[in-house]
Amino acid sequence: MALVSRHPASVLAIVRRYEAAGFRAWPAAAVHYDGTWVVRLTAGHPAKRLNSVNPLDPGDIQHIAERIGRASRRFDAYGRPLTFRISPLSGPILSKHLDSDGWSTFDESLVMRLPLADAQLDAAMDQIPLKDISRFIGAALKVSASDVSLRPGLSEIIGAIQPEAGLFALEDGTEPLATLICVHDGDLAGLFEVATDRSVRNQGHGRHLILSALKWARLRGAREAWLQVEADNAPALALYRSLGFDEVYRYHYRRPPGA
């Protein structure tokens, strides 16, 4: 059961903490504010979390239609489809407005967390993060089977991360097996872009790399790990739950008809 369901009175403060950490750990190239709506746009990378409107206050419901229009013009200028990222901070009134206008709902994701005091890290491999960003990006694109055209955009994103970012890669000689980014931000350790090469999945490489990254973060003072995972990614969910991660809350995306 999600933390949100157990503690409804404190949900907004909890969600705001993770949302803020996510913005810092995975920065968009351009950020605009319309009230408490955060409009994030990135010309160099198509990821939805880098190209979405993120409402951060359920009480901010004034002039919704006009503000959607302003956001739409910004997205048009970037050549991106207008996309809203709907978390518990968005509130029911905005969702009802989007429902009434026929917006689609897709790609639900979970935010999960793990107190590092509960993590079994003693046997984890000690690993030093890569310093060579180019080498890491090459490995990350290969194991995730991503198009090489994303290389400049991913490089820009990683270079813009303000907290300490550990670039982890598990390799067999020169062949990358798994990669991830661990962002150490105060007492939080966020895991991003976790991927294992399709040819070597279900062999424990992702688990070993995650544990090494969390050990690295805990040694630097992190007390809690967190991550985001798509709700239909059953293998990843099984892995994270086996490591002790619990669901905190969920979010999803919405787009207008015809987008």
Protein backbone atom coordinates (compact mmCIF):
# COMPACT_ATOMS: atom_id res chain seq x y z
CA MET A 1 0.00 0.00 0.00
CA ALA A 2 1.30 3.42 -0.90
CA LEU A 3 2.49 5.79 1.79
CA VAL A 4 -0.01 8.30 0.40
CA SER A 5 -2.89 6.01 1.31
CA ARG A 6 -1.63 5.48 4.87
CA HIS A 7 -0.98 9.12 5.70
CA PRO A 8 -3.33 11.39 3.74
CA ALA A 9 -2.77 14.37 6.06
CA SER A 10 0.93 14.57 5.27
CA VAL A 11 0.86 13.52 1.62
CA LEU A 12 1.45 16.94 0.08
CA ALA A 13 4.60 17.65 2.09
CA ILE A 14 5.98 14.20 1.29
CA VAL A 15 5.23 14.49 -2.42
CA ARG A 16 6.68 18.01 -2.61
CA ARG A 17 9.96 16.74 -1.17
CA TYR A 18 10.37 14.09 -3.85
CA GLU A 19 9.14 16.32 -6.64
CA ALA A 20 11.69 18.99 -5.72
CA ALA A 21 14.45 16.38 -5.54
CA GLY A 22 13.43 15.08 -8.95
CA PHE A 23 13.62 18.54 -10.51
CA ARG A 24 17.12 19.03 -9.10
CA ALA A 25 18.32 15.58 -10.10
CA TRP A 26 16.97 15.61 -13.66
CA PRO A 27 17.02 19.26 -14.72
CA ALA A 28 15.13 20.59 -17.72
CA ALA A 29 16.88 23.05 -20.04
CA ALA A 30 14.15 25.70 -19.64
CA VAL A 31 11.85 26.18 -16.65
CA HIS A 32 8.93 28.61 -16.55
CA TYR A 33 6.43 29.25 -13.76
CA ASP A 34 2.74 30.00 -14.18
CA GLY A 35 1.58 30.34 -10.61
CA THR A 36 2.57 27.04 -9.06
CA TRP A 37 2.63 25.23 -12.38
CA VAL A 38 6.20 24.39 -13.34
CA VAL A 39 6.61 24.24 -17.11
CA ARG A 40 9.70 22.18 -18.00
CA LEU A 41 11.00 22.04 -21.57
CA THR A 42 14.13 20.52 -23.10
CA ALA A 43 14.88 20.83 -26.79
CA GLY A 44 17.69 18.26 -26.70
CA HIS A 45 15.81 15.36 -25.13
CA PRO A 46 12.22 14.11 -25.62
CA ALA A 47 11.67 12.57 -22.15
CA LYS A 48 8.22 13.45 -20.83
CA ARG A 49 9.46 14.43 -17.38
CA LEU A 50 11.73 16.98 -19.09
CA ASN A 51 8.88 18.25 -21.26
CA SER A 52 5.80 18.60 -19.12
CA VAL A 53 3.67 20.93 -17.02
CA ASN A 54 3.95 20.00 -13.34
CA PRO A 55 1.21 21.49 -11.10
CA LEU A 56 2.45 21.72 -7.50
CA ASP A 57 -0.56 23.00 -5.54
CA PRO A 58 -4.07 21.48 -5.67
CA GLY A 59 -5.50 24.86 -4.66
CA ASP A 60 -4.02 26.68 -7.66
CA ILE A 61 -7.06 26.39 -9.93
CA GLN A 62 -7.59 29.91 -11.24
CA HIS A 63 -8.01 30.49 -14.99
CA ILE A 64 -7.15 26.90 -15.91
CA ALA A 65 -8.15 27.17 -19.57
CA GLU A 66 -6.13 30.35 -20.14
CA ARG A 67 -3.05 28.89 -18.51
CA ILE A 68 -3.32 25.69 -20.54
CA GLY A 69 -3.36 27.89 -23.62
CA ARG A 70 -0.18 29.68 -22.53
CA ALA A 71 1.53 26.37 -21.83
CA SER A 72 0.43 25.04 -25.21
CA ARG A 73 2.12 27.93 -27.00
CA ARG A 74 5.38 27.26 -25.16
CA PHE A 75 5.27 23.59 -26.13
CA ASP A 76 4.51 24.47 -29.74
CA ALA A 77 7.59 26.69 -29.80
CA TYR A 78 9.71 23.68 -28.74
CA GLY A 79 8.00 21.29 -31.12
CA ARG A 80 6.78 19.19 -28.19
CA PRO A 81 3.26 17.85 -27.57
CA LEU A 82 1.52 19.59 -24.67
CA THR A 83 1.88 17.20 -21.72
CA PHE A 84 0.79 17.48 -18.10
CA ARG A 85 2.43 15.38 -15.39
CA ILE A 86 -0.26 14.69 -12.82
CA SER A 87 0.86 13.89 -9.25
CA PRO A 88 -1.11 14.16 -5.99
CA LEU A 89 -0.08 17.84 -5.98
CA SER A 90 -2.24 18.49 -9.05
CA GLY A 91 -5.50 18.01 -7.18
CA PRO A 92 -8.90 16.71 -8.34
CA ILE A 93 -10.27 19.93 -9.84
CA LEU A 94 -7.60 20.16 -12.54
CA SER A 95 -8.06 16.47 -13.35
CA LYS A 96 -11.82 16.97 -13.72
CA HIS A 97 -11.18 19.88 -16.06
CA LEU A 98 -8.90 17.73 -18.23
CA ASP A 99 -11.46 14.91 -18.13
CA SER A 100 -14.19 17.23 -19.35
CA ASP A 101 -12.01 18.30 -22.28
CA GLY A 102 -11.28 14.70 -23.27
CA TRP A 103 -7.58 14.54 -22.36
CA SER A 104 -5.99 11.09 -22.48
CA THR A 105 -4.25 9.48 -19.50
CA PHE A 106 -1.14 7.34 -19.99
CA ASP A 107 2.16 6.07 -18.57
CA GLU A 108 1.47 5.76 -14.86
CA SER A 109 4.62 5.59 -12.73
CA LEU A 110 5.42 4.84 -9.10
CA VAL A 111 7.73 6.79 -6.82
CA MET A 112 9.36 4.35 -4.40
CA ARG A 113 11.70 4.75 -1.45
CA LEU A 114 14.03 2.65 0.71
CA PRO A 115 15.52 3.71 4.07
CA LEU A 116 19.20 2.95 3.64
CA ALA A 117 19.44 1.75 7.23
CA ASP A 118 17.25 -1.15 6.07
CA ALA A 119 19.24 -1.88 2.91
CA GLN A 120 21.51 -4.92 2.83
CA LEU A 121 24.65 -3.19 1.57
CA ASP A 122 27.49 -4.79 3.53
CA ALA A 123 28.19 -7.34 0.80
CA ALA A 124 27.72 -4.80 -2.01
CA MET A 125 30.66 -4.29 -4.34
CA ASP A 126 32.67 -1.12 -3.68
CA GLN A 127 32.64 0.76 -6.94
CA ILE A 128 33.95 4.19 -7.88
CA PRO A 129 31.67 6.14 -10.25
CA LEU A 130 32.96 6.89 -13.72
CA LYS A 131 34.55 10.30 -14.24
CA ASP A 132 34.43 10.00 -18.03
CA ILE A 133 30.98 11.34 -18.95
CA SER A 134 31.43 10.42 -22.61
CA ARG A 135 32.21 6.80 -21.73
CA PHE A 136 29.19 6.61 -19.42
CA ILE A 137 26.81 8.09 -21.98
CA GLY A 138 28.01 5.67 -24.63
CA ALA A 139 27.41 2.76 -22.26
CA ALA A 140 24.00 4.08 -21.15
CA LEU A 141 22.77 4.52 -24.72
CA LYS A 142 23.90 1.01 -25.63
CA VAL A 143 22.35 -0.86 -22.71
CA SER A 144 19.06 1.03 -23.04
CA ALA A 145 19.05 0.59 -26.83
CA SER A 146 18.53 4.35 -27.22
CA ASP A 147 19.20 6.27 -30.40
CA VAL A 148 22.64 7.87 -30.58
CA SER A 149 20.94 11.15 -31.53
CA LEU A 150 20.09 11.51 -27.82
CA ARG A 151 23.78 11.76 -26.90
CA PRO A 152 24.07 15.59 -26.90
CA GLY A 153 20.85 16.01 -24.94
CA LEU A 154 21.80 13.41 -22.33
CA SER A 155 25.23 15.00 -21.98
CA GLU A 156 23.62 18.39 -21.39
CA ILE A 157 21.27 16.98 -18.75
CA ILE A 158 24.03 15.20 -16.83
CA GLY A 159 26.23 18.28 -16.98
CA ALA A 160 23.44 20.40 -15.51
CA ILE A 161 22.79 18.19 -12.46
CA GLN A 162 23.58 20.35 -9.43
CA PRO A 163 23.79 17.74 -6.65
CA GLU A 164 26.59 15.17 -6.68
CA ALA A 165 25.93 12.65 -9.46
CA GLY A 166 27.56 9.22 -9.48
CA LEU A 167 27.75 7.65 -12.95
CA PHE A 168 27.79 3.87 -12.52
CA ALA A 169 28.48 1.28 -15.20
CA LEU A 170 28.97 -2.47 -14.89
CA GLU A 171 31.16 -3.71 -17.73
CA ASP A 172 32.55 -6.97 -19.06
CA GLY A 173 35.80 -5.82 -20.58
CA THR A 174 34.72 -3.08 -22.95
CA GLU A 175 31.10 -4.26 -23.14
CA PRO A 176 28.64 -2.41 -20.86
CA LEU A 177 26.16 -4.63 -19.05
CA ALA A 178 24.21 -2.19 -16.88
CA THR A 179 24.21 1.52 -16.09
CA LEU A 180 22.57 3.98 -13.73
CA ILE A 181 22.92 7.47 -12.31
CA CYS A 182 22.81 7.94 -8.53
CA VAL A 183 22.18 11.54 -7.47
CA HIS A 184 23.25 12.25 -3.89
CA ASP A 185 21.22 15.22 -2.64
CA GLY A 186 21.52 15.76 1.12
CA ASP A 187 20.01 12.74 2.83
CA LEU A 188 18.44 11.48 -0.41
CA ALA A 189 19.93 9.20 -3.06
CA GLY A 190 17.93 9.18 -6.28
CA LEU A 191 18.37 6.44 -8.88
CA PHE A 192 17.89 7.45 -12.51
CA GLU A 193 18.24 5.84 -15.93
CA VAL A 194 18.62 2.32 -14.49
CA ALA A 195 19.09 -0.07 -17.43
CA THR A 196 20.51 -3.49 -18.22
CA ASP A 197 21.44 -4.67 -21.71
CA ARG A 198 18.68 -6.89 -23.08
CA SER A 199 21.13 -9.71 -23.84
CA VAL A 200 22.14 -10.12 -20.17
CA ARG A 201 18.95 -9.41 -18.25
CA ASN A 202 17.80 -11.58 -15.33
CA GLN A 203 21.40 -12.31 -14.35
CA GLY A 204 21.62 -9.97 -11.36
CA HIS A 205 23.64 -7.20 -13.00
CA GLY A 206 21.08 -4.49 -12.24
CA ARG A 207 20.79 -5.60 -8.62
CA HIS A 208 24.57 -5.56 -8.12
CA LEU A 209 24.93 -2.11 -9.65
CA ILE A 210 22.06 -0.63 -7.60
CA LEU A 211 23.52 -1.97 -4.37
CA SER A 212 26.96 -0.57 -5.23
CA ALA A 213 25.46 2.85 -5.98
CA LEU A 214 23.46 2.87 -2.74
CA LYS A 215 26.54 1.87 -0.76
CA TRP A 216 28.41 4.78 -2.36
CA ALA A 217 25.59 7.18 -1.49
CA ARG A 218 25.24 5.94 2.08
CA LEU A 219 28.95 6.49 2.69
CA ARG A 220 28.37 10.11 1.66
CA GLY A 221 25.56 10.64 4.13
CA ALA A 222 22.44 9.61 2.24
CA ARG A 223 19.82 8.03 4.45
CA GLU A 224 17.09 7.24 1.97
CA ALA A 225 17.04 5.99 -1.60
CA TRP A 226 14.25 6.76 -4.02
CA LEU A 227 13.38 6.16 -7.66
CA GLN A 228 10.66 6.38 -10.28
CA VAL A 229 9.49 3.34 -12.26
CA GLU A 230 6.71 2.82 -14.79
CA ALA A 231 3.78 0.89 -13.33
CA ASP A 232 3.74 -1.66 -16.17
CA ASN A 233 7.46 -2.51 -15.83
CA ALA A 234 6.89 -5.74 -13.92
CA PRO A 235 10.52 -6.97 -13.88
CA ALA A 236 11.81 -3.65 -12.53
CA LEU A 237 9.06 -3.47 -9.90
CA ALA A 238 9.86 -7.01 -8.77
CA LEU A 239 13.55 -6.10 -8.46
CA TYR A 240 12.93 -2.91 -6.50
CA ARG A 241 10.46 -4.56 -4.15
CA SER A 242 12.90 -7.42 -3.54
CA LEU A 243 15.47 -4.80 -2.51
CA GLY A 244 13.00 -3.33 -0.01
CA PHE A 245 11.63 -0.33 -1.91
CA ASP A 246 8.05 0.66 -1.04
CA GLU A 247 5.63 2.79 -3.01
CA VAL A 248 5.21 6.39 -1.86
CA TYR A 249 2.85 7.79 -4.50
CA ARG A 250 2.01 7.61 -8.19
CA TYR A 251 1.87 10.03 -11.08
CA HIS A 252 0.78 9.84 -14.72
CA TYR A 253 0.75 11.94 -17.86
CA ARG A 254 -2.08 13.57 -19.79
CA ARG A 255 -2.38 15.05 -23.26
CA PRO A 256 -5.23 16.82 -25.06
CA PRO A 257 -7.26 15.12 -27.80
CA GLY A 258 -5.28 14.67 -31.00
CA ALA A 259 -1.88 15.20 -29.37
